[in-house]
């Protein structure tokens, strides 16, 4: 049976270290934002893209891609300069709250479909937070994206005075479930051209 979720893509940052908007970087003639949407749209009721000053540029690119316009929502975060948590709050405020929600970073365009499938397969009624991790050199390394239960929305918005998403997650450590995966892409955080080139060359 198909799992029904909503998805939030965080893409409001200035990409200062990259030198240009990460959402619009091209890989094999497709932008990061389009590559991510192509994976999320088939498993999502709706996808909410949280944007800042790049709103119009990203909106234009997505519309030109001919992806399902009915399922894509563009959210402007007027407080984007306050950091990522402001975009998290903006995204969670916009979703319906009827379904679990996947929180996706725009700088993870290389995630395989299997990651999403494993997160969805790990959903249960006893936890609020479902986070992938890998085992490397004897260590447990947690990464992204993170899947959240319906109940997490109210918890997050009730604690909007916190500084980070991690602060909110730490309020309910017993409600966090780690899901073992094999793909190291969950640890990727592409901030510079060198990091991007390193990943492309490795591939």
Protein backbone atom coordinates (compact mmCIF):
# COMPACT_ATOMS: atom_id res chain seq x y z
CA UNK A 1 0.00 0.00 0.00
CA UNK A 2 1.31 3.44 -0.91
CA UNK A 3 2.40 5.60 2.00
CA UNK A 4 0.99 9.13 1.81
CA UNK A 5 3.36 11.91 2.87
CA UNK A 6 4.01 15.59 2.34
CA UNK A 7 7.50 16.86 1.58
CA UNK A 8 9.32 20.09 2.41
CA UNK A 9 12.42 21.18 0.50
CA UNK A 10 14.57 23.77 2.25
CA UNK A 11 16.08 26.11 -0.35
CA UNK A 12 16.05 29.62 1.14
CA UNK A 13 19.76 29.96 1.91
CA UNK A 14 22.06 32.34 0.07
CA UNK A 15 24.53 29.61 -0.97
CA UNK A 16 27.32 32.09 -0.20
CA UNK A 17 30.16 29.56 -0.18
CA UNK A 18 28.97 28.01 -3.44
CA UNK A 19 28.85 31.39 -5.16
CA UNK A 20 25.47 30.70 -6.77
CA UNK A 21 22.10 29.26 -5.83
CA UNK A 22 22.49 25.54 -5.10
CA UNK A 23 18.93 24.88 -6.23
CA UNK A 24 19.84 26.01 -9.75
CA UNK A 25 23.14 24.17 -10.13
CA UNK A 26 23.01 21.86 -13.14
CA UNK A 27 24.02 18.22 -13.30
CA UNK A 28 23.62 16.52 -16.66
CA UNK A 29 21.36 19.36 -17.80
CA UNK A 30 19.02 19.17 -14.79
CA UNK A 31 19.06 21.48 -11.80
CA UNK A 32 19.31 20.25 -8.23
CA UNK A 33 15.75 21.32 -7.49
CA UNK A 34 14.35 19.42 -10.49
CA UNK A 35 16.34 16.27 -9.68
CA UNK A 36 14.94 16.29 -6.15
CA UNK A 37 11.38 17.01 -7.26
CA UNK A 38 11.48 14.11 -9.72
CA UNK A 39 12.11 11.78 -6.78
CA UNK A 40 9.73 13.35 -4.27
CA UNK A 41 6.66 14.00 -6.40
CA UNK A 42 5.80 10.30 -6.98
CA UNK A 43 5.76 9.62 -3.23
CA UNK A 44 4.23 12.90 -2.01
CA UNK A 45 0.75 14.34 -1.84
CA UNK A 46 2.33 17.78 -2.16
CA UNK A 47 5.84 19.22 -2.13
CA UNK A 48 6.48 22.56 -0.42
CA UNK A 49 9.61 24.45 -1.50
CA UNK A 50 10.71 27.05 1.06
CA UNK A 51 12.57 29.89 -0.65
CA UNK A 52 14.10 33.29 0.07
CA UNK A 53 15.36 35.87 -2.37
CA UNK A 54 15.64 33.11 -4.97
CA UNK A 55 11.85 32.63 -5.06
CA UNK A 56 11.21 33.91 -8.57
CA UNK A 57 14.29 32.28 -10.15
CA UNK A 58 13.53 28.85 -8.67
CA UNK A 59 9.83 29.15 -9.42
CA UNK A 60 10.62 29.94 -13.06
CA UNK A 61 12.94 26.91 -13.32
CA UNK A 62 10.42 24.53 -11.76
CA UNK A 63 7.55 25.75 -13.92
CA UNK A 64 9.69 25.34 -17.05
CA UNK A 65 10.46 21.73 -16.08
CA UNK A 66 6.84 20.69 -16.76
CA UNK A 67 6.55 18.81 -13.47
CA UNK A 68 3.11 18.47 -11.86
CA UNK A 69 2.19 22.08 -10.94
CA UNK A 70 -0.77 21.04 -8.79
CA UNK A 71 1.49 19.27 -6.29
CA UNK A 72 4.22 21.91 -5.99
CA UNK A 73 3.80 24.80 -3.52
CA UNK A 74 6.23 27.73 -3.36
CA UNK A 75 6.65 29.19 0.12
CA UNK A 76 8.41 32.53 0.67
CA UNK A 77 10.32 32.83 3.94
CA UNK A 78 10.69 36.52 4.66
CA UNK A 79 12.85 35.61 7.66
CA UNK A 80 15.31 33.46 5.72
CA UNK A 81 18.30 35.48 6.92
CA UNK A 82 17.57 34.23 10.45
CA UNK A 83 18.77 30.78 9.46
CA UNK A 84 17.52 27.33 8.54
CA UNK A 85 15.20 26.91 11.51
CA UNK A 86 13.08 29.82 10.29
CA UNK A 87 12.57 27.91 7.02
CA UNK A 88 11.72 24.72 8.89
CA UNK A 89 9.02 26.60 10.81
CA UNK A 90 7.72 28.20 7.62
CA UNK A 91 7.49 24.83 5.89
CA UNK A 92 5.74 23.07 8.76
CA UNK A 93 3.30 25.99 9.08
CA UNK A 94 2.33 25.53 5.43
CA UNK A 95 1.71 21.76 5.31
CA UNK A 96 -1.73 20.32 5.96
CA UNK A 97 -0.54 18.15 8.83
CA UNK A 98 -2.64 15.24 7.59
CA UNK A 99 0.33 13.10 6.62
CA UNK A 100 3.89 12.36 7.76
CA UNK A 101 6.31 14.92 6.35
CA UNK A 102 9.73 14.46 4.78
CA UNK A 103 12.23 17.28 5.34
CA UNK A 104 14.66 17.49 2.41
CA UNK A 105 17.74 19.71 1.96
CA UNK A 106 18.28 21.18 -1.50
CA UNK A 107 21.95 20.16 -1.47
CA UNK A 108 21.17 16.43 -1.52
CA UNK A 109 20.23 15.81 -5.18
CA UNK A 110 22.09 12.49 -5.31
CA UNK A 111 20.00 10.56 -2.78
CA UNK A 112 18.83 7.24 -4.22
CA UNK A 113 15.15 6.34 -4.17
CA UNK A 114 16.00 3.49 -1.77
CA UNK A 115 16.62 6.00 1.05
CA UNK A 116 13.08 7.32 0.82
CA UNK A 117 11.69 3.82 0.58
CA UNK A 118 13.56 2.73 3.71
CA UNK A 119 12.35 5.75 5.68
CA UNK A 120 8.77 5.15 4.63
CA UNK A 121 9.12 1.48 5.49
CA UNK A 122 10.30 2.42 8.97
CA UNK A 123 7.21 4.46 9.85
CA UNK A 124 5.34 3.31 12.94
CA UNK A 125 2.89 4.71 15.47
CA UNK A 126 5.35 4.83 18.37
CA UNK A 127 7.81 7.45 17.10
CA UNK A 128 7.75 11.05 15.87
CA UNK A 129 11.16 11.23 14.16
CA UNK A 130 12.62 8.77 11.66
CA UNK A 131 16.24 9.47 10.79
CA UNK A 132 18.62 7.49 8.55
CA UNK A 133 22.09 6.53 9.72
CA UNK A 134 25.13 4.66 8.47
CA UNK A 135 27.77 2.65 10.30
CA UNK A 136 31.27 3.84 9.43
CA UNK A 137 34.53 2.97 11.17
CA UNK A 138 32.56 1.64 14.11
CA UNK A 139 30.58 4.85 14.49
CA UNK A 140 26.88 5.58 14.06
CA UNK A 141 26.46 8.64 11.80
CA UNK A 142 22.99 10.14 11.45
CA UNK A 143 22.08 12.08 8.32
CA UNK A 144 19.27 13.47 6.18
CA UNK A 145 16.53 13.58 5.00
CA UNK A 146 14.40 13.11 8.11
CA UNK A 147 10.82 11.86 8.14
CA UNK A 148 8.42 13.16 10.80
CA UNK A 149 5.09 11.86 12.02
CA UNK A 150 1.87 13.87 11.90
CA UNK A 151 2.22 14.61 15.63
CA UNK A 152 5.57 16.33 15.19
CA UNK A 153 4.07 19.41 13.55
CA UNK A 154 2.28 20.49 16.72
CA UNK A 155 5.37 19.79 18.83
CA UNK A 156 7.55 21.87 16.54
CA UNK A 157 5.23 24.86 16.27
CA UNK A 158 4.63 24.84 20.02
CA UNK A 159 8.40 25.21 20.48
CA UNK A 160 9.10 27.84 17.83
CA UNK A 161 11.18 29.73 20.40
CA UNK A 162 13.93 27.10 20.11
CA UNK A 163 17.08 27.87 18.16
CA UNK A 164 17.34 24.79 15.97
CA UNK A 165 15.40 21.76 14.79
CA UNK A 166 17.80 19.64 16.80
CA UNK A 167 16.68 21.42 19.97
CA UNK A 168 13.08 20.37 19.33
CA UNK A 169 14.05 16.80 18.47
CA UNK A 170 15.98 16.55 21.74
CA UNK A 171 12.77 17.34 23.66
CA UNK A 172 11.51 13.85 22.82
CA UNK A 173 14.56 11.58 22.46
CA UNK A 174 12.43 8.51 23.13
CA UNK A 175 10.35 9.35 20.05
CA UNK A 176 13.33 9.29 17.69
CA UNK A 177 13.91 6.18 15.61
CA UNK A 178 17.15 5.60 13.69
CA UNK A 179 16.95 3.60 10.47
CA UNK A 180 20.09 1.89 9.19
CA UNK A 181 20.87 2.49 5.52
CA UNK A 182 23.89 1.72 3.35
CA UNK A 183 24.07 4.88 1.25
CA UNK A 184 26.58 7.49 2.42
CA UNK A 185 24.73 10.14 0.42
CA UNK A 186 22.71 10.84 3.57
CA UNK A 187 25.82 12.57 4.94
CA UNK A 188 26.35 14.84 1.93
CA UNK A 189 26.15 18.58 2.50
CA UNK A 190 27.26 20.36 -0.65
CA UNK A 191 28.40 23.88 0.22
CA UNK A 192 31.29 24.60 -2.16
CA UNK A 193 32.25 23.95 -5.79
CA UNK A 194 35.09 21.70 -4.62
CA UNK A 195 32.67 19.54 -2.62
CA UNK A 196 30.35 19.25 -5.60
CA UNK A 197 33.20 18.42 -8.00
CA UNK A 198 34.53 15.83 -5.55
CA UNK A 199 31.18 14.04 -5.52
CA UNK A 200 30.80 14.18 -9.29
CA UNK A 201 34.34 12.91 -9.87
CA UNK A 202 33.82 10.10 -7.37
CA UNK A 203 30.66 9.07 -9.19
